């Protein structure tokens, strides 16, 4: 196993953090803008797929994804495929929804799909627990935070920029591990 708990605890210092994290103002965050150019590879958060499936992604997000190499996380794949077990087959929209998700998954090139390493998994547990404790999240949100931390750390591990609309959670993760890069949109 390639996870060093002592190193992770020295890096994050969870025992020293006791005050809630403040949301940073927009001018301190990096947002997708118009007049984009090619740049670093992206790792797509699950919300990017959801916005695309619901035809809600802004034009600048579509543009940046056409200009940059887009990578995919096995964590997001699991969040997408969760719908196959969760959705009610008797609901009239379920077949269409699952069909669209199938198309998205079929479009993921195998060499662009990766999973976080064991070090990211170990760190993600600590990081998600910190955000949960510091910001008083509701019970039941732990898994969502763990998935977000995994995707964030995977992007860091592979040197990619995480693309997301989830400003609240990823801003906090970025404050705790500032070497990660996140590109936000609304």
C-alpha atoms as a PDB file:
ATOM      1  CA  UNK A   1       0.000   0.000   0.000  1.00  0.00           C
ATOM      2  CA  UNK A   2       1.404   3.407  -0.925  1.00  0.00           C
ATOM      3  CA  UNK A   3      -0.323   5.473   1.748  1.00  0.00           C
ATOM      4  CA  UNK A   4       1.701   7.034   4.550  1.00  0.00           C
ATOM      5  CA  UNK A   5      -0.709   8.079   7.327  1.00  0.00           C
ATOM      6  CA  UNK A   6       1.931   9.975   9.322  1.00  0.00           C
ATOM      7  CA  UNK A   7       2.918  11.985   6.265  1.00  0.00           C
ATOM      8  CA  UNK A   8      -0.730  12.790   5.471  1.00  0.00           C
ATOM      9  CA  UNK A   9      -1.392  13.911   9.037  1.00  0.00           C
ATOM     10  CA  UNK A  10       1.764  16.077   9.058  1.00  0.00           C
ATOM     11  CA  UNK A  11       0.648  17.657   5.790  1.00  0.00           C
ATOM     12  CA  UNK A  12      -2.968  18.372   6.741  1.00  0.00           C
ATOM     13  CA  UNK A  13      -2.578  18.876  10.521  1.00  0.00           C
ATOM     14  CA  UNK A  14      -6.261  18.186  11.252  1.00  0.00           C
ATOM     15  CA  UNK A  15      -5.821  18.699  14.993  1.00  0.00           C
ATOM     16  CA  UNK A  16      -4.765  22.331  14.460  1.00  0.00           C
ATOM     17  CA  UNK A  17      -7.796  23.307  12.409  1.00  0.00           C
ATOM     18  CA  UNK A  18     -10.762  24.375  14.520  1.00  0.00           C
ATOM     19  CA  UNK A  19     -12.367  27.403  12.853  1.00  0.00           C
ATOM     20  CA  UNK A  20     -14.854  27.178   9.971  1.00  0.00           C
ATOM     21  CA  UNK A  21     -13.562  27.923   6.496  1.00  0.00           C
ATOM     22  CA  UNK A  22     -14.845  31.107   4.892  1.00  0.00           C
ATOM     23  CA  UNK A  23     -16.033  31.085   1.294  1.00  0.00           C
ATOM     24  CA  UNK A  24     -13.630  33.172  -0.734  1.00  0.00           C
ATOM     25  CA  UNK A  25     -14.936  35.972  -2.934  1.00  0.00           C
ATOM     26  CA  UNK A  26     -15.167  35.319  -6.669  1.00  0.00           C
ATOM     27  CA  UNK A  27     -12.169  37.526  -7.432  1.00  0.00           C
ATOM     28  CA  UNK A  28      -9.963  35.107  -5.478  1.00  0.00           C
ATOM     29  CA  UNK A  29     -11.161  32.093  -7.476  1.00  0.00           C
ATOM     30  CA  UNK A  30     -10.401  31.088 -11.046  1.00  0.00           C
ATOM     31  CA  UNK A  31     -13.491  31.037 -13.285  1.00  0.00           C
ATOM     32  CA  UNK A  32     -13.925  29.912 -16.886  1.00  0.00           C
ATOM     33  CA  UNK A  33     -13.959  33.044 -19.015  1.00  0.00           C
ATOM     34  CA  UNK A  34     -14.686  33.792 -22.648  1.00  0.00           C
ATOM     35  CA  UNK A  35     -11.865  34.080 -25.217  1.00  0.00           C
ATOM     36  CA  UNK A  36     -10.297  30.861 -24.028  1.00  0.00           C
ATOM     37  CA  UNK A  37      -7.113  29.249 -25.239  1.00  0.00           C
ATOM     38  CA  UNK A  38      -5.714  25.750 -25.018  1.00  0.00           C
ATOM     39  CA  UNK A  39      -4.062  25.000 -21.685  1.00  0.00           C
ATOM     40  CA  UNK A  40      -3.578  22.331 -19.041  1.00  0.00           C
ATOM     41  CA  UNK A  41      -5.564  19.108 -19.143  1.00  0.00           C
ATOM     42  CA  UNK A  42      -8.896  19.070 -17.318  1.00  0.00           C
ATOM     43  CA  UNK A  43     -10.464  16.550 -14.973  1.00  0.00           C
ATOM     44  CA  UNK A  44     -14.255  16.786 -15.098  1.00  0.00           C
ATOM     45  CA  UNK A  45     -16.313  16.805 -11.903  1.00  0.00           C
ATOM     46  CA  UNK A  46     -19.628  14.916 -11.959  1.00  0.00           C
ATOM     47  CA  UNK A  47     -21.608  18.160 -12.076  1.00  0.00           C
ATOM     48  CA  UNK A  48     -20.070  18.912 -15.498  1.00  0.00           C
ATOM     49  CA  UNK A  49     -21.665  15.742 -16.910  1.00  0.00           C
ATOM     50  CA  UNK A  50     -24.972  16.528 -15.224  1.00  0.00           C
ATOM     51  CA  UNK A  51     -25.022  20.063 -16.646  1.00  0.00           C
ATOM     52  CA  UNK A  52     -24.225  18.721 -20.120  1.00  0.00           C
ATOM     53  CA  UNK A  53     -26.953  16.048 -19.834  1.00  0.00           C
ATOM     54  CA  UNK A  54     -29.477  18.713 -18.849  1.00  0.00           C
ATOM     55  CA  UNK A  55     -28.278  21.129 -21.564  1.00  0.00           C
ATOM     56  CA  UNK A  56     -27.319  23.640 -18.853  1.00  0.00           C
ATOM     57  CA  UNK A  57     -23.592  23.991 -19.409  1.00  0.00           C
ATOM     58  CA  UNK A  58     -22.545  27.536 -20.281  1.00  0.00           C
ATOM     59  CA  UNK A  59     -21.033  28.116 -23.746  1.00  0.00           C
ATOM     60  CA  UNK A  60     -17.621  28.943 -22.259  1.00  0.00           C
ATOM     61  CA  UNK A  61     -17.562  25.539 -20.520  1.00  0.00           C
ATOM     62  CA  UNK A  62     -18.373  23.769 -23.781  1.00  0.00           C
ATOM     63  CA  UNK A  63     -15.646  25.829 -25.449  1.00  0.00           C
ATOM     64  CA  UNK A  64     -12.932  25.062 -22.907  1.00  0.00           C
ATOM     65  CA  UNK A  65     -13.753  21.356 -23.092  1.00  0.00           C
ATOM     66  CA  UNK A  66     -13.305  21.497 -26.860  1.00  0.00           C
ATOM     67  CA  UNK A  67      -9.945  23.264 -26.500  1.00  0.00           C
ATOM     68  CA  UNK A  68      -8.382  21.131 -23.782  1.00  0.00           C
ATOM     69  CA  UNK A  69      -7.820  17.455 -23.149  1.00  0.00           C
ATOM     70  CA  UNK A  70     -10.612  16.219 -20.877  1.00  0.00           C
ATOM     71  CA  UNK A  71      -9.936  13.426 -18.410  1.00  0.00           C
ATOM     72  CA  UNK A  72     -12.419  11.409 -16.397  1.00  0.00           C
ATOM     73  CA  UNK A  73     -12.424  10.014 -12.879  1.00  0.00           C
ATOM     74  CA  UNK A  74     -13.630   6.560 -11.901  1.00  0.00           C
ATOM     75  CA  UNK A  75     -15.201   8.333  -8.906  1.00  0.00           C
ATOM     76  CA  UNK A  76     -17.425  10.379 -11.237  1.00  0.00           C
ATOM     77  CA  UNK A  77     -18.156   7.278 -13.289  1.00  0.00           C
ATOM     78  CA  UNK A  78     -19.521   5.640 -10.125  1.00  0.00           C
ATOM     79  CA  UNK A  79     -21.618   8.705  -9.345  1.00  0.00           C
ATOM     80  CA  UNK A  80     -23.086   8.582 -12.856  1.00  0.00           C
ATOM     81  CA  UNK A  81     -23.745   4.840 -12.882  1.00  0.00           C
ATOM     82  CA  UNK A  82     -25.450   5.106  -9.492  1.00  0.00           C
ATOM     83  CA  UNK A  83     -28.499   6.280 -11.454  1.00  0.00           C
ATOM     84  CA  UNK A  84     -28.944   2.786 -12.957  1.00  0.00           C
ATOM     85  CA  UNK A  85     -29.722   1.390  -9.524  1.00  0.00           C
ATOM     86  CA  UNK A  86     -31.307   4.449  -7.955  1.00  0.00           C
ATOM     87  CA  UNK A  87     -33.817   5.647 -10.555  1.00  0.00           C
ATOM     88  CA  UNK A  88     -37.334   4.220 -10.593  1.00  0.00           C
ATOM     89  CA  UNK A  89     -37.803   2.222 -13.800  1.00  0.00           C
ATOM     90  CA  UNK A  90     -41.556   2.924 -13.661  1.00  0.00           C
ATOM     91  CA  UNK A  91     -40.959   6.685 -13.990  1.00  0.00           C
ATOM     92  CA  UNK A  92     -41.559   7.846 -17.591  1.00  0.00           C
ATOM     93  CA  UNK A  93     -38.287   9.843 -17.777  1.00  0.00           C
ATOM     94  CA  UNK A  94     -36.024   7.049 -16.518  1.00  0.00           C
ATOM     95  CA  UNK A  95     -35.384   5.301 -19.885  1.00  0.00           C
ATOM     96  CA  UNK A  96     -34.434   8.590 -21.560  1.00  0.00           C
ATOM     97  CA  UNK A  97     -32.213   9.631 -18.653  1.00  0.00           C
ATOM     98  CA  UNK A  98     -30.401   6.288 -18.588  1.00  0.00           C
ATOM     99  CA  UNK A  99     -30.009   6.347 -22.354  1.00  0.00           C
ATOM    100  CA  UNK A 100     -28.339   9.771 -22.195  1.00  0.00           C
ATOM    101  CA  UNK A 101     -26.054   8.655 -19.362  1.00  0.00           C
ATOM    102  CA  UNK A 102     -25.124   5.586 -21.431  1.00  0.00           C
ATOM    103  CA  UNK A 103     -24.149   7.844 -24.343  1.00  0.00           C
ATOM    104  CA  UNK A 104     -21.947   9.968 -22.089  1.00  0.00           C
ATOM    105  CA  UNK A 105     -20.225   6.903 -20.635  1.00  0.00           C
ATOM    106  CA  UNK A 106     -19.751   5.377 -24.086  1.00  0.00           C
ATOM    107  CA  UNK A 107     -18.012   8.600 -25.149  1.00  0.00           C
ATOM    108  CA  UNK A 108     -15.336   8.297 -22.445  1.00  0.00           C
ATOM    109  CA  UNK A 109     -12.133   7.053 -24.018  1.00  0.00           C
ATOM    110  CA  UNK A 110     -10.602   4.290 -21.901  1.00  0.00           C
ATOM    111  CA  UNK A 111      -7.155   5.928 -21.859  1.00  0.00           C
ATOM    112  CA  UNK A 112      -8.732   9.124 -20.424  1.00  0.00           C
ATOM    113  CA  UNK A 113     -10.416   7.326 -17.501  1.00  0.00           C
ATOM    114  CA  UNK A 114      -8.377   6.862 -14.313  1.00  0.00           C
ATOM    115  CA  UNK A 115      -8.850   6.249 -10.635  1.00  0.00           C
ATOM    116  CA  UNK A 116      -7.204   7.989  -7.703  1.00  0.00           C
ATOM    117  CA  UNK A 117      -4.204   6.255  -6.184  1.00  0.00           C
ATOM    118  CA  UNK A 118      -4.169   4.826  -2.674  1.00  0.00           C
ATOM    119  CA  UNK A 119      -2.457   7.927  -1.314  1.00  0.00           C
ATOM    120  CA  UNK A 120      -5.294  10.094  -2.634  1.00  0.00           C
ATOM    121  CA  UNK A 121      -7.838   7.734  -1.053  1.00  0.00           C
ATOM    122  CA  UNK A 122      -6.181   7.981   2.349  1.00  0.00           C
ATOM    123  CA  UNK A 123      -5.774  11.764   2.172  1.00  0.00           C
ATOM    124  CA  UNK A 124      -9.348  12.181   0.890  1.00  0.00           C
ATOM    125  CA  UNK A 125     -10.752  10.581   4.016  1.00  0.00           C
ATOM    126  CA  UNK A 126      -8.923  13.047   6.253  1.00  0.00           C
ATOM    127  CA  UNK A 127      -9.692  16.010   3.995  1.00  0.00           C
ATOM    128  CA  UNK A 128     -13.407  15.215   3.710  1.00  0.00           C
ATOM    129  CA  UNK A 129     -13.617  14.705   7.464  1.00  0.00           C
ATOM    130  CA  UNK A 130     -11.982  18.087   8.035  1.00  0.00           C
ATOM    131  CA  UNK A 131     -14.377  19.941   5.749  1.00  0.00           C
ATOM    132  CA  UNK A 132     -17.316  18.104   7.314  1.00  0.00           C
ATOM    133  CA  UNK A 133     -16.220  18.965  10.860  1.00  0.00           C
ATOM    134  CA  UNK A 134     -15.090  22.542  10.240  1.00  0.00           C
ATOM    135  CA  UNK A 135     -18.103  23.630   8.229  1.00  0.00           C
ATOM    136  CA  UNK A 136     -20.808  21.749  10.136  1.00  0.00           C
ATOM    137  CA  UNK A 137     -22.214  19.876   7.152  1.00  0.00           C
ATOM    138  CA  UNK A 138     -25.427  17.897   7.622  1.00  0.00           C
ATOM    139  CA  UNK A 139     -25.113  14.247   8.586  1.00  0.00           C
ATOM    140  CA  UNK A 140     -25.336  12.152   5.419  1.00  0.00           C
ATOM    141  CA  UNK A 141     -23.121  14.446   3.327  1.00  0.00           C
ATOM    142  CA  UNK A 142     -19.920  12.631   4.272  1.00  0.00           C
ATOM    143  CA  UNK A 143     -19.920  10.403   1.160  1.00  0.00           C
ATOM    144  CA  UNK A 144     -20.436  13.368  -1.159  1.00  0.00           C
ATOM    145  CA  UNK A 145     -17.539  15.194   0.493  1.00  0.00           C
ATOM    146  CA  UNK A 146     -15.377  12.076   0.280  1.00  0.00           C
ATOM    147  CA  UNK A 147     -16.085  11.781  -3.456  1.00  0.00           C
ATOM    148  CA  UNK A 148     -15.318  15.482  -3.959  1.00  0.00           C
ATOM    149  CA  UNK A 149     -12.045  15.142  -2.025  1.00  0.00           C
ATOM    150  CA  UNK A 150     -11.109  12.072  -4.101  1.00  0.00           C
ATOM    151  CA  UNK A 151     -11.709  13.873  -7.388  1.00  0.00           C
ATOM    152  CA  UNK A 152      -9.842  16.960  -6.147  1.00  0.00           C
ATOM    153  CA  UNK A 153      -6.828  14.918  -5.046  1.00  0.00           C
ATOM    154  CA  UNK A 154      -6.907  12.857  -8.251  1.00  0.00           C
ATOM    155  CA  UNK A 155      -6.627  16.056 -10.291  1.00  0.00           C
ATOM    156  CA  UNK A 156      -3.687  17.108  -8.123  1.00  0.00           C
ATOM    157  CA  UNK A 157      -2.090  13.659  -8.392  1.00  0.00           C
ATOM    158  CA  UNK A 158      -2.239  13.727 -12.218  1.00  0.00           C
ATOM    159  CA  UNK A 159      -1.365  17.434 -12.615  1.00  0.00           C
ATOM    160  CA  UNK A 160      -4.781  18.293 -14.029  1.00  0.00           C
ATOM    161  CA  UNK A 161      -7.126  21.218 -13.474  1.00  0.00           C
ATOM    162  CA  UNK A 162     -10.459  20.234 -11.956  1.00  0.00           C
ATOM    163  CA  UNK A 163     -13.457  21.735 -13.789  1.00  0.00           C
ATOM    164  CA  UNK A 164     -16.559  22.175 -11.608  1.00  0.00           C
ATOM    165  CA  UNK A 165     -19.604  24.283 -10.777  1.00  0.00           C
ATOM    166  CA  UNK A 166     -19.442  23.131  -7.136  1.00  0.00           C
ATOM    167  CA  UNK A 167     -17.838  26.270  -5.740  1.00  0.00           C
ATOM    168  CA  UNK A 168     -18.700  25.759  -2.063  1.00  0.00           C
ATOM    169  CA  UNK A 169     -17.083  22.343  -1.567  1.00  0.00           C
ATOM    170  CA  UNK A 170     -14.100  22.681  -3.889  1.00  0.00           C
ATOM    171  CA  UNK A 171     -13.199  26.165  -2.620  1.00  0.00           C
ATOM    172  CA  UNK A 172     -12.926  24.661   0.878  1.00  0.00           C
ATOM    173  CA  UNK A 173     -10.890  21.685  -0.335  1.00  0.00           C
ATOM    174  CA  UNK A 174      -8.610  24.072  -2.202  1.00  0.00           C
ATOM    175  CA  UNK A 175      -8.096  26.173   0.923  1.00  0.00           C
ATOM    176  CA  UNK A 176      -6.945  23.102   2.839  1.00  0.00           C
ATOM    177  CA  UNK A 177      -4.742  21.773   0.012  1.00  0.00           C
ATOM    178  CA  UNK A 178      -3.927  24.908  -2.007  1.00  0.00           C
ATOM    179  CA  UNK A 179      -1.574  23.263  -4.484  1.00  0.00           C
ATOM    180  CA  UNK A 180      -4.549  21.791  -6.349  1.00  0.00           C
ATOM    181  CA  UNK A 181      -5.951  23.729  -9.302  1.00  0.00           C
ATOM    182  CA  UNK A 182      -9.671  24.302  -9.776  1.00  0.00           C
ATOM    183  CA  UNK A 183     -11.507  26.060 -12.583  1.00  0.00           C
ATOM    184  CA  UNK A 184     -15.027  27.090 -11.594  1.00  0.00           C
ATOM    185  CA  UNK A 185     -18.117  28.113 -13.528  1.00  0.00           C
ATOM    186  CA  UNK A 186     -21.676  29.128 -12.741  1.00  0.00           C
END
